[in-house]
Amino acid sequence: PQDFNLHPSVAKILEKREMSAQPGGRIDFATAEMLALGSTLLNEDWSRDFSFPHRDVRLSGQDSRRGTFNQRHAAFIDARNAMEWVPLRSM
């Protein structure tokens, strides 16, 4: 979001993530994880494509929200007001 204040180190990671998605870019493992999660959210009929029943997916554990390593964050916290932003929710 426009008025969201990322910590500078997290902002750099997101810039790298965006650049890796450009033509000729190299996607790292953490970005590939987010793309996989996002594509699952976008494709509501994915389970029918593979002929198995729909299953809800619940991510749990320490790494599921704000990863142990910054590049694995799926949720971001505003550095000024502690508001949360989860980009996967807006897909």
Protein backbone atom coordinates (compact mmCIF):
# COMPACT_ATOMS: atom_id res chain seq x y z
CA PRO A 1 0.00 0.00 0.00
CA GLN A 2 1.04 3.60 -0.62
CA ASP A 3 1.09 4.69 3.02
CA PHE A 4 2.78 1.53 4.33
CA ASN A 5 6.20 2.03 5.95
CA LEU A 6 8.41 -1.00 5.44
CA HIS A 7 11.61 -1.45 7.38
CA PRO A 8 14.46 -0.58 4.96
CA SER A 9 15.90 -4.11 4.98
CA VAL A 10 12.50 -5.61 4.17
CA ALA A 11 11.93 -3.01 1.43
CA LYS A 12 15.18 -4.14 -0.24
CA ILE A 13 14.02 -7.74 -0.18
CA LEU A 14 10.71 -6.83 -1.81
CA GLU A 15 12.55 -4.79 -4.46
CA LYS A 16 14.69 -7.84 -5.26
CA ARG A 17 11.56 -9.99 -5.37
CA GLU A 18 9.95 -7.60 -7.84
CA MET A 19 13.07 -7.44 -10.01
CA SER A 20 13.34 -11.23 -10.10
CA ALA A 21 9.86 -11.41 -11.63
CA GLN A 22 10.92 -9.26 -14.60
CA PRO A 23 11.90 -10.92 -17.90
CA GLY A 24 15.35 -12.45 -17.52
CA GLY A 25 15.17 -12.29 -13.72
CA ARG A 26 16.13 -15.20 -11.50
CA ILE A 27 13.52 -16.22 -8.95
CA ASP A 28 14.88 -17.35 -5.59
CA PHE A 29 13.35 -20.11 -3.47
CA ALA A 30 11.46 -17.76 -1.13
CA THR A 31 9.88 -15.90 -4.05
CA ALA A 32 8.96 -19.22 -5.66
CA GLU A 33 7.17 -20.21 -2.44
CA MET A 34 5.10 -17.02 -2.48
CA LEU A 35 4.28 -17.49 -6.18
CA ALA A 36 3.16 -21.05 -5.50
CA LEU A 37 0.91 -19.94 -2.64
CA GLY A 38 -0.45 -17.06 -4.70
CA SER A 39 -1.18 -19.23 -7.74
CA THR A 40 -3.09 -21.65 -5.52
CA LEU A 41 -5.18 -18.77 -4.20
CA LEU A 42 -5.87 -17.44 -7.71
CA ASN A 43 -6.92 -20.76 -9.22
CA GLU A 44 -10.14 -21.75 -7.45
CA ASP A 45 -10.58 -24.83 -9.65
CA TRP A 46 -7.05 -26.22 -9.27
CA SER A 47 -8.27 -29.38 -7.53
CA ARG A 48 -10.53 -30.29 -10.46
CA ASP A 49 -7.62 -29.94 -12.88
CA PHE A 50 -5.87 -32.79 -11.09
CA SER A 51 -8.97 -34.90 -10.33
CA PHE A 52 -8.80 -34.86 -6.55
CA PRO A 53 -11.20 -33.28 -4.09
CA HIS A 54 -10.85 -29.72 -2.86
CA ARG A 55 -8.91 -29.38 0.37
CA ASP A 56 -8.48 -26.30 2.50
CA VAL A 57 -4.86 -25.50 3.24
CA ARG A 58 -3.84 -24.09 6.61
CA LEU A 59 -0.32 -22.81 7.07
CA SER A 60 0.95 -23.17 10.59
CA GLY A 61 4.15 -22.84 12.50
CA GLN A 62 6.66 -20.13 13.13
CA ASP A 63 7.56 -19.61 9.46
CA SER A 64 4.02 -19.37 8.10
CA ARG A 65 3.54 -15.64 8.72
CA ARG A 66 6.78 -13.82 9.32
CA GLY A 67 9.54 -16.18 8.37
CA THR A 68 12.62 -16.90 10.40
CA PHE A 69 14.50 -15.32 7.51
CA ASN A 70 13.28 -11.95 6.17
CA GLN A 71 13.02 -13.12 2.58
CA ARG A 72 10.33 -15.64 3.62
CA HIS A 73 7.91 -13.10 5.12
CA ALA A 74 4.31 -13.49 3.96
CA ALA A 75 3.08 -10.79 6.35
CA PHE A 76 4.62 -7.38 6.87
CA ILE A 77 4.38 -4.99 9.79
CA ASP A 78 4.41 -1.21 9.32
CA ALA A 79 7.58 0.16 10.95
CA ARG A 80 5.77 3.23 12.29
CA ASN A 81 2.36 2.09 13.48
CA ALA A 82 2.56 -1.76 13.64
CA MET A 83 -0.29 -2.22 11.14
CA GLU A 84 -0.16 -5.52 9.27
CA TRP A 85 -0.11 -6.09 5.49
CA VAL A 86 -0.54 -9.56 3.98
CA PRO A 87 -0.16 -9.28 0.18
CA LEU A 88 -1.62 -12.77 -0.41
CA ARG A 89 -4.97 -11.52 0.95
CA SER A 90 -5.33 -9.11 -1.95
CA MET A 91 -4.99 -11.69 -4.71
